[in-house]
Amino acid sequence: MTDAEYAVCNVEYANVVLDLVRSQMDSLGYLDGQTVTLHITKGANGYFGADDEGMGQVDLLGLV
């Protein structure tokens, strides 16, 4: 497969996925709003990240 053919396949695949998601949008339900506190800190490597406890709460709520 050439790069151009691969790019076309990627676009076609993305469009199929988007069509599937869009077809389900009207049937989605939403839960009540939740509040989670995340503590963001800058690590020794210079990158920012959230604390494990807060991310665990997000995971439990099914938001990730």
C-alpha atoms as a PDB file:
ATOM      1  CA  MET A   1       0.000   0.000   0.000  1.00  0.00           C
ATOM      2  CA  THR A   2       1.353   3.432  -0.875  1.00  0.00           C
ATOM      3  CA  ASP A   3       1.368   6.324   1.575  1.00  0.00           C
ATOM      4  CA  ALA A   4      -1.450   7.963  -0.401  1.00  0.00           C
ATOM      5  CA  GLU A   5      -3.559   4.784  -0.306  1.00  0.00           C
ATOM      6  CA  TYR A   6      -2.882   4.428   3.405  1.00  0.00           C
ATOM      7  CA  ALA A   7      -3.989   8.035   3.977  1.00  0.00           C
ATOM      8  CA  VAL A   8      -7.237   7.386   2.070  1.00  0.00           C
ATOM      9  CA  CYS A   9      -7.898   4.272   4.193  1.00  0.00           C
ATOM     10  CA  ASN A  10      -7.323   6.283   7.362  1.00  0.00           C
ATOM     11  CA  VAL A  11      -9.864   8.896   6.275  1.00  0.00           C
ATOM     12  CA  GLU A  12     -12.407   6.245   5.285  1.00  0.00           C
ATOM     13  CA  TYR A  13     -11.932   4.424   8.594  1.00  0.00           C
ATOM     14  CA  ALA A  14     -12.303   7.655  10.559  1.00  0.00           C
ATOM     15  CA  ASN A  15     -15.516   8.468   8.678  1.00  0.00           C
ATOM     16  CA  VAL A  16     -16.979   5.030   9.472  1.00  0.00           C
ATOM     17  CA  VAL A  17     -16.190   5.481  13.169  1.00  0.00           C
ATOM     18  CA  LEU A  18     -17.646   9.005  13.185  1.00  0.00           C
ATOM     19  CA  ASP A  19     -20.816   7.814  11.446  1.00  0.00           C
ATOM     20  CA  LEU A  20     -21.252   5.070  14.056  1.00  0.00           C
ATOM     21  CA  VAL A  21     -20.781   7.513  16.929  1.00  0.00           C
ATOM     22  CA  ARG A  22     -23.085  10.120  15.378  1.00  0.00           C
ATOM     23  CA  SER A  23     -25.808   7.499  14.848  1.00  0.00           C
ATOM     24  CA  GLN A  24     -25.832   6.816  18.606  1.00  0.00           C
ATOM     25  CA  MET A  25     -25.668  10.406  19.860  1.00  0.00           C
ATOM     26  CA  ASP A  26     -29.441  10.804  20.324  1.00  0.00           C
ATOM     27  CA  SER A  27     -29.657   7.689  22.495  1.00  0.00           C
ATOM     28  CA  LEU A  28     -26.885   8.685  24.899  1.00  0.00           C
ATOM     29  CA  GLY A  29     -27.761   9.336  28.497  1.00  0.00           C
ATOM     30  CA  TYR A  30     -25.891  11.502  30.920  1.00  0.00           C
ATOM     31  CA  LEU A  31     -25.293  11.040  34.626  1.00  0.00           C
ATOM     32  CA  ASP A  32     -25.635  13.807  37.157  1.00  0.00           C
ATOM     33  CA  GLY A  33     -22.611  16.081  37.387  1.00  0.00           C
ATOM     34  CA  GLN A  34     -19.810  15.015  39.719  1.00  0.00           C
ATOM     35  CA  THR A  35     -16.986  16.997  41.288  1.00  0.00           C
ATOM     36  CA  VAL A  36     -13.501  15.547  41.547  1.00  0.00           C
ATOM     37  CA  THR A  37     -10.519  17.450  42.890  1.00  0.00           C
ATOM     38  CA  LEU A  38      -7.254  16.819  41.078  1.00  0.00           C
ATOM     39  CA  HIS A  39      -3.988  18.052  42.477  1.00  0.00           C
ATOM     40  CA  ILE A  40      -1.705  18.975  39.598  1.00  0.00           C
ATOM     41  CA  THR A  41       2.002  19.127  40.345  1.00  0.00           C
ATOM     42  CA  LYS A  42       5.173  19.528  38.362  1.00  0.00           C
ATOM     43  CA  GLY A  43       7.375  16.450  38.653  1.00  0.00           C
ATOM     44  CA  ALA A  44      11.148  16.220  38.776  1.00  0.00           C
ATOM     45  CA  ASN A  45      11.138  15.580  35.025  1.00  0.00           C
ATOM     46  CA  GLY A  46       9.499  18.972  34.413  1.00  0.00           C
ATOM     47  CA  TYR A  47       6.162  17.524  33.338  1.00  0.00           C
ATOM     48  CA  PHE A  48       2.859  18.258  35.052  1.00  0.00           C
ATOM     49  CA  GLY A  49       0.623  15.441  36.258  1.00  0.00           C
ATOM     50  CA  ALA A  50      -2.413  14.738  38.392  1.00  0.00           C
ATOM     51  CA  ASP A  51      -2.285  12.903  41.696  1.00  0.00           C
ATOM     52  CA  ASP A  52      -3.086   9.182  41.759  1.00  0.00           C
ATOM     53  CA  GLU A  53      -5.933   9.560  44.256  1.00  0.00           C
ATOM     54  CA  GLY A  54      -7.764  12.107  42.115  1.00  0.00           C
ATOM     55  CA  MET A  55      -7.244  10.080  38.960  1.00  0.00           C
ATOM     56  CA  GLY A  56      -8.539   7.024  40.809  1.00  0.00           C
ATOM     57  CA  GLN A  57     -11.734   8.954  41.611  1.00  0.00           C
ATOM     58  CA  VAL A  58     -12.081   9.882  37.950  1.00  0.00           C
ATOM     59  CA  ASP A  59     -11.649   6.217  36.991  1.00  0.00           C
ATOM     60  CA  LEU A  60     -14.334   5.164  39.459  1.00  0.00           C
ATOM     61  CA  LEU A  61     -16.755   7.642  37.930  1.00  0.00           C
ATOM     62  CA  GLY A  62     -16.106   6.227  34.484  1.00  0.00           C
ATOM     63  CA  LEU A  63     -14.863   9.537  33.130  1.00  0.00           C
ATOM     64  CA  VAL A  64     -11.617   8.247  31.640  1.00  0.00           C
END
